[in-house]
Amino acid sequence: MIKLSLDEDFVACPVVDGDELFPSGVFEFNVSRILAYLERCPDDVVLVSVAVGDFSRWLDDLDEAHVAAADLARPLVLAEIAPGRFNVIDGHHRLEKARRHGVGTLQAYRL
């Protein structure tokens, strides 16, 4: 078992007006900052292929226009919330579009 320890020197990045935040259990991810980082440093995070069927459907109502416009070439962003367990923090509309169009895999960044 992996034991986590508190980093006393950790300072969370400040939230700027307009930042998209994604709460997931005890975590709150700043999607805007993560996407900016991935754009600046794309080689720092490995891009992997993931099975669409490995992720449950998003429980909230999705904006149908956003689903239709979703770009399946844009990678999902997954965050490891427990050892080996990843949640989608950016890409729910892309996942739904992929399901509807029979796309079996998408590219994803695993953080």
N, C-alpha and C. Protein backbone atom coordinates (compact mmCIF):
# COMPACT_ATOMS: atom_id res chain seq x y z
N MET A 1 0.84 -1.17 0.00
CA MET A 1 0.00 0.00 0.00
C MET A 1 0.89 1.24 0.00
N ILE A 2 0.48 2.23 -0.79
CA ILE A 2 1.20 3.49 -0.86
C ILE A 2 0.65 4.42 0.22
N LYS A 3 1.56 4.98 1.01
CA LYS A 3 1.13 5.90 2.05
C LYS A 3 1.44 7.33 1.59
N LEU A 4 0.42 8.17 1.62
CA LEU A 4 0.59 9.56 1.24
C LEU A 4 1.04 10.37 2.44
N SER A 5 1.80 11.40 2.15
CA SER A 5 2.21 12.30 3.22
C SER A 5 1.95 13.74 2.78
N LEU A 6 1.68 14.58 3.73
CA LEU A 6 1.39 15.97 3.47
C LEU A 6 2.67 16.73 3.16
N ASP A 7 2.65 17.50 2.07
CA ASP A 7 3.78 18.36 1.72
C ASP A 7 3.50 19.72 2.33
N GLU A 8 4.18 20.04 3.43
CA GLU A 8 3.95 21.28 4.16
C GLU A 8 4.26 22.52 3.32
N ASP A 9 5.07 22.37 2.27
CA ASP A 9 5.46 23.51 1.42
C ASP A 9 4.54 23.69 0.21
N PHE A 10 3.55 22.82 0.06
CA PHE A 10 2.67 22.90 -1.11
C PHE A 10 1.84 24.18 -1.09
N VAL A 11 1.79 24.83 -2.24
CA VAL A 11 0.96 26.02 -2.42
C VAL A 11 0.15 25.80 -3.69
N ALA A 12 -1.16 25.77 -3.55
CA ALA A 12 -2.02 25.59 -4.72
C ALA A 12 -1.96 26.84 -5.60
N CYS A 13 -2.09 26.64 -6.91
CA CYS A 13 -2.10 27.81 -7.79
C CYS A 13 -3.37 28.62 -7.53
N PRO A 14 -3.25 29.92 -7.59
CA PRO A 14 -4.44 30.74 -7.33
C PRO A 14 -5.46 30.58 -8.46
N VAL A 15 -6.72 30.66 -8.10
CA VAL A 15 -7.79 30.58 -9.09
C VAL A 15 -8.04 31.99 -9.63
N VAL A 16 -8.05 32.10 -10.94
CA VAL A 16 -8.29 33.37 -11.61
C VAL A 16 -9.73 33.38 -12.11
N ASP A 17 -10.38 34.54 -12.07
CA ASP A 17 -11.74 34.64 -12.59
C ASP A 17 -11.80 34.02 -13.98
N GLY A 18 -12.79 33.16 -14.19
CA GLY A 18 -12.96 32.51 -15.49
C GLY A 18 -12.34 31.14 -15.57
N ASP A 19 -11.51 30.74 -14.59
CA ASP A 19 -10.93 29.40 -14.60
C ASP A 19 -12.04 28.36 -14.47
N GLU A 20 -11.91 27.28 -15.25
CA GLU A 20 -12.86 26.17 -15.14
C GLU A 20 -12.33 25.20 -14.09
N LEU A 21 -13.14 24.97 -13.06
CA LEU A 21 -12.76 24.05 -11.99
C LEU A 21 -13.61 22.81 -12.10
N PHE A 22 -13.01 21.65 -11.80
CA PHE A 22 -13.73 20.38 -11.86
C PHE A 22 -13.57 19.66 -10.52
N PRO A 23 -14.63 19.63 -9.72
CA PRO A 23 -14.55 18.90 -8.45
C PRO A 23 -14.68 17.40 -8.69
N SER A 24 -13.86 16.63 -8.00
CA SER A 24 -13.90 15.17 -8.12
C SER A 24 -13.53 14.59 -6.76
N GLY A 25 -14.54 14.24 -5.98
CA GLY A 25 -14.29 13.72 -4.64
C GLY A 25 -13.61 14.77 -3.78
N VAL A 26 -12.49 14.43 -3.18
CA VAL A 26 -11.77 15.37 -2.32
C VAL A 26 -10.90 16.34 -3.13
N PHE A 27 -10.80 16.11 -4.42
CA PHE A 27 -9.96 16.94 -5.27
C PHE A 27 -10.79 18.00 -5.99
N GLU A 28 -10.14 19.11 -6.32
CA GLU A 28 -10.73 20.10 -7.22
C GLU A 28 -9.64 20.48 -8.21
N PHE A 29 -9.88 20.16 -9.47
CA PHE A 29 -8.89 20.37 -10.51
C PHE A 29 -9.16 21.68 -11.24
N ASN A 30 -8.11 22.45 -11.49
CA ASN A 30 -8.22 23.67 -12.26
C ASN A 30 -7.94 23.27 -13.72
N VAL A 31 -9.02 22.98 -14.43
CA VAL A 31 -8.91 22.50 -15.81
C VAL A 31 -8.24 23.54 -16.69
N SER A 32 -8.56 24.80 -16.50
CA SER A 32 -7.96 25.87 -17.31
C SER A 32 -6.44 25.86 -17.19
N ARG A 33 -5.94 25.75 -15.98
CA ARG A 33 -4.49 25.75 -15.76
C ARG A 33 -3.84 24.47 -16.30
N ILE A 34 -4.53 23.35 -16.15
CA ILE A 34 -3.99 22.08 -16.67
C ILE A 34 -3.88 22.14 -18.18
N LEU A 35 -4.93 22.63 -18.86
CA LEU A 35 -4.91 22.72 -20.32
C LEU A 35 -3.81 23.67 -20.79
N ALA A 36 -3.63 24.79 -20.09
CA ALA A 36 -2.57 25.73 -20.44
C ALA A 36 -1.20 25.07 -20.30
N TYR A 37 -1.02 24.31 -19.22
CA TYR A 37 0.24 23.60 -19.01
C TYR A 37 0.49 22.58 -20.13
N LEU A 38 -0.53 21.81 -20.49
CA LEU A 38 -0.37 20.80 -21.54
C LEU A 38 -0.06 21.45 -22.88
N GLU A 39 -0.59 22.63 -23.12
CA GLU A 39 -0.29 23.35 -24.36
C GLU A 39 1.16 23.82 -24.37
N ARG A 40 1.64 24.30 -23.22
CA ARG A 40 3.02 24.80 -23.11
C ARG A 40 4.04 23.67 -23.09
N CYS A 41 3.71 22.56 -22.45
CA CYS A 41 4.68 21.48 -22.22
C CYS A 41 4.08 20.13 -22.62
N PRO A 42 3.71 19.94 -23.88
CA PRO A 42 3.03 18.70 -24.28
C PRO A 42 3.87 17.44 -24.11
N ASP A 43 5.19 17.59 -24.10
CA ASP A 43 6.05 16.41 -23.96
C ASP A 43 6.23 15.97 -22.52
N ASP A 44 5.73 16.75 -21.56
CA ASP A 44 5.87 16.39 -20.15
C ASP A 44 4.89 15.31 -19.71
N VAL A 45 3.84 15.09 -20.47
CA VAL A 45 2.81 14.11 -20.11
C VAL A 45 2.62 13.17 -21.30
N VAL A 46 2.62 11.89 -21.04
CA VAL A 46 2.50 10.89 -22.09
C VAL A 46 1.06 10.83 -22.59
N LEU A 47 0.92 10.82 -23.91
CA LEU A 47 -0.38 10.66 -24.54
C LEU A 47 -0.62 9.17 -24.74
N VAL A 48 -1.76 8.66 -24.26
CA VAL A 48 -2.07 7.24 -24.35
C VAL A 48 -3.42 7.05 -25.05
N SER A 49 -3.63 5.87 -25.55
CA SER A 49 -4.91 5.50 -26.14
C SER A 49 -5.75 4.83 -25.05
N VAL A 50 -7.00 5.26 -24.89
CA VAL A 50 -7.88 4.68 -23.88
C VAL A 50 -9.17 4.20 -24.53
N ALA A 51 -9.75 3.16 -23.96
CA ALA A 51 -11.01 2.62 -24.46
C ALA A 51 -12.17 3.47 -23.95
N VAL A 52 -13.01 3.92 -24.86
CA VAL A 52 -14.18 4.74 -24.51
C VAL A 52 -15.05 4.00 -23.50
N GLY A 53 -15.21 2.71 -23.69
CA GLY A 53 -16.06 1.90 -22.82
C GLY A 53 -15.55 1.74 -21.40
N ASP A 54 -14.30 2.13 -21.15
CA ASP A 54 -13.75 2.02 -19.80
C ASP A 54 -14.26 3.13 -18.86
N PHE A 55 -14.96 4.10 -19.43
CA PHE A 55 -15.42 5.24 -18.63
C PHE A 55 -16.93 5.27 -18.61
N SER A 56 -17.48 5.52 -17.43
CA SER A 56 -18.93 5.57 -17.30
C SER A 56 -19.46 6.84 -17.95
N ARG A 57 -20.73 6.80 -18.27
CA ARG A 57 -21.38 7.97 -18.86
C ARG A 57 -21.45 9.07 -17.82
N TRP A 58 -21.35 10.29 -18.28
CA TRP A 58 -21.46 11.46 -17.41
C TRP A 58 -22.89 11.54 -16.91
N LEU A 59 -23.09 11.71 -15.63
CA LEU A 59 -24.42 11.67 -15.03
C LEU A 59 -25.22 12.95 -15.24
N ASP A 60 -24.54 14.08 -15.35
CA ASP A 60 -25.24 15.35 -15.55
C ASP A 60 -25.68 15.47 -17.00
N ASP A 61 -26.64 16.34 -17.23
CA ASP A 61 -27.08 16.60 -18.60
C ASP A 61 -25.95 17.25 -19.38
N LEU A 62 -25.72 16.75 -20.58
CA LEU A 62 -24.70 17.34 -21.44
C LEU A 62 -25.38 18.26 -22.45
N ASP A 63 -24.73 19.35 -22.77
CA ASP A 63 -25.21 20.28 -23.77
C ASP A 63 -25.08 19.61 -25.15
N GLU A 64 -26.21 19.36 -25.79
CA GLU A 64 -26.21 18.63 -27.07
C GLU A 64 -25.42 19.35 -28.15
N ALA A 65 -25.49 20.67 -28.17
CA ALA A 65 -24.71 21.42 -29.16
C ALA A 65 -23.21 21.23 -28.92
N HIS A 66 -22.83 21.16 -27.65
CA HIS A 66 -21.42 20.95 -27.30
C HIS A 66 -20.98 19.53 -27.69
N VAL A 67 -21.86 18.56 -27.50
CA VAL A 67 -21.55 17.18 -27.91
C VAL A 67 -21.33 17.14 -29.42
N ALA A 68 -22.24 17.76 -30.18
CA ALA A 68 -22.13 17.75 -31.64
C ALA A 68 -20.85 18.42 -32.13
N ALA A 69 -20.43 19.47 -31.43
CA ALA A 69 -19.24 20.22 -31.85
C ALA A 69 -17.94 19.66 -31.29
N ALA A 70 -18.01 18.67 -30.43
CA ALA A 70 -16.82 18.13 -29.77
C ALA A 70 -15.81 17.62 -30.79
N ASP A 71 -14.55 17.95 -30.57
CA ASP A 71 -13.45 17.56 -31.46
C ASP A 71 -12.80 16.29 -30.93
N LEU A 72 -13.06 15.17 -31.60
CA LEU A 72 -12.54 13.88 -31.13
C LEU A 72 -11.03 13.76 -31.30
N ALA A 73 -10.43 14.66 -32.03
CA ALA A 73 -8.97 14.65 -32.18
C ALA A 73 -8.29 15.28 -30.96
N ARG A 74 -9.04 16.00 -30.16
CA ARG A 74 -8.49 16.64 -28.96
C ARG A 74 -8.44 15.61 -27.83
N PRO A 75 -7.29 15.40 -27.21
CA PRO A 75 -7.18 14.38 -26.16
C PRO A 75 -8.02 14.69 -24.93
N LEU A 76 -8.48 13.63 -24.28
CA LEU A 76 -9.12 13.74 -22.98
C LEU A 76 -8.04 14.08 -21.96
N VAL A 77 -8.45 14.54 -20.80
CA VAL A 77 -7.52 14.74 -19.69
C VAL A 77 -8.04 13.90 -18.52
N LEU A 78 -7.20 12.98 -18.07
CA LEU A 78 -7.55 12.07 -16.98
C LEU A 78 -6.66 12.38 -15.78
N ALA A 79 -7.22 12.30 -14.60
CA ALA A 79 -6.44 12.51 -13.38
C ALA A 79 -6.49 11.25 -12.53
N GLU A 80 -5.34 10.84 -12.03
CA GLU A 80 -5.26 9.66 -11.17
C GLU A 80 -5.75 10.06 -9.77
N ILE A 81 -6.89 9.49 -9.38
CA ILE A 81 -7.49 9.84 -8.09
C ILE A 81 -7.20 8.79 -7.02
N ALA A 82 -6.72 7.66 -7.45
CA ALA A 82 -6.28 6.58 -6.57
C ALA A 82 -5.28 5.77 -7.41
N PRO A 83 -4.42 5.00 -6.80
CA PRO A 83 -3.44 4.25 -7.59
C PRO A 83 -4.10 3.43 -8.70
N GLY A 84 -3.78 3.80 -9.95
CA GLY A 84 -4.30 3.09 -11.11
C GLY A 84 -5.73 3.44 -11.49
N ARG A 85 -6.36 4.36 -10.77
CA ARG A 85 -7.76 4.74 -11.06
C ARG A 85 -7.81 6.19 -11.55
N PHE A 86 -8.33 6.37 -12.76
CA PHE A 86 -8.34 7.67 -13.40
C PHE A 86 -9.77 8.14 -13.64
N ASN A 87 -10.00 9.43 -13.37
CA ASN A 87 -11.28 10.07 -13.67
C ASN A 87 -11.08 11.05 -14.81
N VAL A 88 -12.11 11.20 -15.63
CA VAL A 88 -12.09 12.20 -16.69
C VAL A 88 -12.33 13.56 -16.05
N ILE A 89 -11.40 14.48 -16.27
CA ILE A 89 -11.61 15.84 -15.76
C ILE A 89 -11.83 16.82 -16.90
N ASP A 90 -11.56 16.40 -18.13
CA ASP A 90 -11.86 17.21 -19.31
C ASP A 90 -12.10 16.26 -20.47
N GLY A 91 -13.32 16.31 -21.03
CA GLY A 91 -13.59 15.49 -22.21
C GLY A 91 -14.89 14.71 -22.17
N HIS A 92 -15.80 15.01 -21.25
CA HIS A 92 -17.06 14.26 -21.17
C HIS A 92 -17.89 14.38 -22.45
N HIS A 93 -17.90 15.55 -23.09
CA HIS A 93 -18.64 15.72 -24.34
C HIS A 93 -18.00 14.90 -25.46
N ARG A 94 -16.67 14.85 -25.48
CA ARG A 94 -15.97 14.04 -26.49
C ARG A 94 -16.24 12.56 -26.29
N LEU A 95 -16.25 12.12 -25.03
CA LEU A 95 -16.57 10.71 -24.76
C LEU A 95 -17.97 10.36 -25.25
N GLU A 96 -18.93 11.22 -24.99
CA GLU A 96 -20.30 10.96 -25.41
C GLU A 96 -20.41 10.94 -26.93
N LYS A 97 -19.74 11.86 -27.59
CA LYS A 97 -19.77 11.88 -29.06
C LYS A 97 -19.13 10.60 -29.60
N ALA A 98 -18.02 10.19 -29.01
CA ALA A 98 -17.35 8.95 -29.45
C ALA A 98 -18.29 7.76 -29.28
N ARG A 99 -18.99 7.66 -28.15
CA ARG A 99 -19.95 6.56 -27.94
C ARG A 99 -21.01 6.55 -29.03
N ARG A 100 -21.58 7.71 -29.30
CA ARG A 100 -22.66 7.82 -30.29
C ARG A 100 -22.21 7.48 -31.70
N HIS A 101 -20.93 7.70 -31.99
CA HIS A 101 -20.41 7.44 -33.33
C HIS A 101 -19.65 6.12 -33.42
N GLY A 102 -19.69 5.33 -32.36
CA GLY A 102 -19.06 4.02 -32.39
C GLY A 102 -17.54 4.06 -32.37
N VAL A 103 -16.97 5.14 -31.89
CA VAL A 103 -15.51 5.25 -31.78
C VAL A 103 -15.08 4.50 -30.52
N GLY A 104 -14.16 3.55 -30.68
CA GLY A 104 -13.79 2.69 -29.55
C GLY A 104 -12.69 3.23 -28.67
N THR A 105 -11.80 4.06 -29.24
CA THR A 105 -10.69 4.59 -28.46
C THR A 105 -10.48 6.08 -28.72
N LEU A 106 -9.95 6.75 -27.74
CA LEU A 106 -9.56 8.15 -27.86
C LEU A 106 -8.19 8.32 -27.23
N GLN A 107 -7.51 9.38 -27.63
CA GLN A 107 -6.23 9.73 -27.01
C GLN A 107 -6.50 10.47 -25.70
N ALA A 108 -5.61 10.31 -24.74
CA ALA A 108 -5.79 10.96 -23.45
C ALA A 108 -4.46 11.25 -22.79
N TYR A 109 -4.43 12.35 -22.04
CA TYR A 109 -3.32 12.64 -21.17
C TYR A 109 -3.68 12.06 -19.80
N ARG A 110 -2.77 11.30 -19.24
CA ARG A 110 -2.98 10.76 -17.89
C ARG A 110 -2.09 11.52 -16.93
N LEU A 111 -2.73 12.23 -16.01
CA LEU A 111 -2.00 13.02 -15.02
C LEU A 111 -1.98 12.29 -13.70
